[in-house]
Amino acid sequence: MPQIAQLMETYASQIFWLLIFFGAVYFIVGRGMVPKVMATVAQRDDQIAADLAAADAARTAADAEEAAWRARENGSRAAAQETLAKAKSEAALASETKLVAAQVGIDARLAEAEAAIAATRNAALAEIEDVAVEAAQDIVGRLAGVKVTKPQAKAAVKEALSHV
């Protein structure tokens, strides 16, 4: 078969061109392109690592800033609570002072009112006594037909009122 005999003649030529083609591909791709791709990948990995390190440093700084802020906030809150407690105590003291002053005024007015009531009661009792003396004189005069003097009637009314 002539095809088989021809194969041996072209086989060496095909192997030669195959080696040249793969050699060219090896040098173009393997020596030219792959190092550039690997350098780009390495650069990207380095950039990612640098970005992660920067993010970690930023997070650490943010945590430290947050802790400082919380400490300031807690200090401010404590100072505000202290100021509020001081204001409450001052207000309570002022209120207590006003209440004491008002109580003194009320007690004074109450004492005046009690004195006025006592004076009015004594005056009313005196008037009642005078009316009772006059009524007793009139009643005794009408019923018994005897004239009673004012001092006698007054003594009798006082004695009767002392038992009431």
Protein backbone atom coordinates (compact mmCIF):
# COMPACT_ATOMS: atom_id res chain seq x y z
CA MET A 1 0.00 0.00 0.00
CA PRO A 2 1.39 3.13 -1.12
CA GLN A 3 -0.28 5.21 1.59
CA ILE A 4 1.74 3.49 4.28
CA ALA A 5 4.97 4.08 2.42
CA GLN A 6 4.07 7.73 2.00
CA LEU A 7 3.32 8.04 5.71
CA MET A 8 6.91 7.32 6.61
CA GLU A 9 8.18 9.98 4.30
CA THR A 10 5.84 12.67 5.69
CA TYR A 11 6.04 11.49 9.31
CA ALA A 12 9.46 13.00 9.91
CA SER A 13 8.38 16.29 8.36
CA GLN A 14 5.22 16.43 10.54
CA ILE A 15 7.22 15.73 13.71
CA PHE A 16 9.67 18.48 12.76
CA TRP A 17 6.90 21.08 12.27
CA LEU A 18 5.13 19.88 15.41
CA LEU A 19 8.28 20.48 17.44
CA ILE A 20 8.77 23.91 15.87
CA PHE A 21 5.13 24.86 16.53
CA PHE A 22 5.16 23.65 20.15
CA GLY A 23 8.54 25.31 20.69
CA ALA A 24 7.22 28.60 19.35
CA VAL A 25 4.10 28.29 21.50
CA TYR A 26 6.26 27.44 24.53
CA PHE A 27 8.48 30.48 24.06
CA ILE A 28 5.62 32.89 23.21
CA VAL A 29 3.16 31.71 25.83
CA GLY A 30 5.46 30.12 28.44
CA ARG A 31 8.24 32.66 28.40
CA GLY A 32 6.31 35.75 27.30
CA MET A 33 2.75 35.68 28.52
CA VAL A 34 2.75 33.44 31.62
CA PRO A 35 5.31 35.54 33.54
CA LYS A 36 3.25 38.66 32.85
CA VAL A 37 0.04 36.94 34.02
CA MET A 38 1.82 35.57 37.09
CA ALA A 39 3.23 39.02 37.88
CA THR A 40 -0.28 40.50 37.58
CA VAL A 41 -1.71 37.79 39.87
CA ALA A 42 1.11 38.34 42.39
CA GLN A 43 0.55 42.11 42.23
CA ARG A 44 -3.20 41.58 42.78
CA ASP A 45 -2.52 39.26 45.74
CA ASP A 46 -0.14 41.83 47.22
CA GLN A 47 -2.74 44.59 46.74
CA ILE A 48 -5.44 42.45 48.39
CA ALA A 49 -3.13 41.67 51.31
CA ALA A 50 -2.27 45.37 51.66
CA ASP A 51 -5.95 46.32 51.53
CA LEU A 52 -6.80 43.70 54.17
CA ALA A 53 -3.97 44.96 56.40
CA ALA A 54 -5.18 48.55 55.97
CA ALA A 55 -8.75 47.49 56.75
CA ASP A 56 -7.57 45.65 59.85
CA ALA A 57 -5.57 48.69 60.99
CA ALA A 58 -8.57 50.95 60.31
CA ARG A 59 -10.85 48.59 62.27
CA THR A 60 -8.39 48.57 65.18
CA ALA A 61 -8.21 52.37 65.11
CA ALA A 62 -11.99 52.60 64.92
CA ASP A 63 -12.35 50.23 67.89
CA ALA A 64 -9.89 52.33 69.88
CA GLU A 65 -11.74 55.53 68.91
CA GLU A 66 -15.06 53.92 69.87
CA ALA A 67 -13.66 52.88 73.25
CA ALA A 68 -12.40 56.43 73.83
CA TRP A 69 -15.77 57.84 72.76
CA ARG A 70 -17.60 55.46 75.10
CA ALA A 71 -15.32 56.50 77.97
CA ARG A 72 -16.00 60.19 77.22
CA GLU A 73 -19.73 59.49 76.89
CA ASN A 74 -19.80 57.61 80.20
CA GLY A 75 -17.88 60.46 81.85
CA SER A 76 -20.29 63.00 80.39
CA ARG A 77 -23.26 60.92 81.49
CA ALA A 78 -21.85 60.64 85.03
CA ALA A 79 -21.24 64.40 85.13
CA ALA A 80 -24.78 65.02 83.90
CA GLN A 81 -26.18 62.68 86.56
CA GLU A 82 -24.13 64.47 89.19
CA THR A 83 -25.35 67.87 87.98
CA LEU A 84 -28.92 66.59 87.93
CA ALA A 85 -28.63 65.21 91.46
CA LYS A 86 -27.12 68.51 92.64
CA ALA A 87 -29.91 70.48 90.97
CA LYS A 88 -32.53 68.18 92.50
CA SER A 89 -31.03 68.59 95.97
CA GLU A 90 -30.84 72.37 95.55
CA ALA A 91 -34.44 72.45 94.32
CA ALA A 92 -35.54 70.26 97.22
CA LEU A 93 -33.72 72.56 99.66
CA ALA A 94 -35.28 75.65 98.08
CA SER A 95 -38.69 73.97 98.13
CA GLU A 96 -38.23 72.98 101.76
CA THR A 97 -37.24 76.56 102.62
CA LYS A 98 -40.32 77.89 100.85
CA LEU A 99 -42.49 75.31 102.61
CA VAL A 100 -41.07 76.28 106.01
CA ALA A 101 -41.67 79.96 105.26
CA ALA A 102 -45.20 79.20 104.07
CA GLN A 103 -45.83 77.05 107.15
CA VAL A 104 -44.65 79.89 109.40
CA GLY A 105 -47.02 82.26 107.58
CA ILE A 106 -49.87 79.76 107.81
CA ASP A 107 -49.17 79.18 111.51
CA ALA A 108 -49.17 82.94 112.12
CA ARG A 109 -52.44 83.37 110.23
CA LEU A 110 -53.90 80.37 112.09
CA ALA A 111 -52.90 81.86 115.44
CA GLU A 112 -54.46 85.19 114.41
CA ALA A 113 -57.63 83.40 113.29
CA GLU A 114 -57.80 81.38 116.52
CA ALA A 115 -57.33 84.58 118.54
CA ALA A 116 -60.06 86.27 116.51
CA ILE A 117 -62.34 83.25 116.98
CA ALA A 118 -61.65 83.25 120.73
CA ALA A 119 -62.33 86.98 120.95
CA THR A 120 -65.50 86.58 118.91
CA ARG A 121 -66.59 83.62 121.06
CA ASN A 122 -65.92 85.56 124.25
CA ALA A 123 -67.86 88.52 122.87
CA ALA A 124 -70.68 86.20 121.83
CA LEU A 125 -70.68 84.57 125.26
CA ALA A 126 -70.78 88.02 126.87
CA GLU A 127 -73.66 88.99 124.64
CA ILE A 128 -75.41 85.70 125.36
CA GLU A 129 -74.85 86.31 129.06
CA ASP A 130 -76.28 89.84 128.76
CA VAL A 131 -79.25 88.53 126.78
CA ALA A 132 -79.71 85.71 129.30
CA VAL A 133 -79.60 88.21 132.21
CA GLU A 134 -82.23 90.39 130.55
CA ALA A 135 -84.35 87.34 129.67
CA ALA A 136 -84.07 86.02 133.22
CA GLN A 137 -85.15 89.39 134.64
CA ASP A 138 -88.06 89.53 132.23
CA ILE A 139 -89.13 85.90 132.83
CA VAL A 140 -88.91 86.20 136.62
CA GLY A 141 -90.79 89.50 136.48
CA ARG A 142 -93.59 88.07 134.33
CA LEU A 143 -93.92 84.69 135.99
CA ALA A 144 -93.28 85.48 139.62
CA GLY A 145 -94.15 89.13 139.54
CA VAL A 146 -90.92 89.87 141.45
CA LYS A 147 -88.46 92.49 140.29
CA VAL A 148 -84.88 91.04 140.13
CA THR A 149 -81.89 93.39 139.91
CA LYS A 150 -79.34 93.07 137.20
CA PRO A 151 -76.47 91.92 139.50
CA GLN A 152 -78.67 89.21 141.03
CA ALA A 153 -79.78 87.96 137.61
CA LYS A 154 -76.18 88.10 136.37
CA ALA A 155 -74.97 86.00 139.31
CA ALA A 156 -77.71 83.43 138.71
CA VAL A 157 -76.96 83.23 134.96
CA LYS A 158 -73.20 82.81 135.62
CA GLU A 159 -73.91 80.01 138.06
CA ALA A 160 -76.20 78.29 135.56
CA LEU A 161 -73.70 78.70 132.70
CA SER A 162 -70.87 77.32 134.81
CA HIS A 163 -72.68 73.97 134.98
CA VAL A 164 -73.11 73.79 131.20
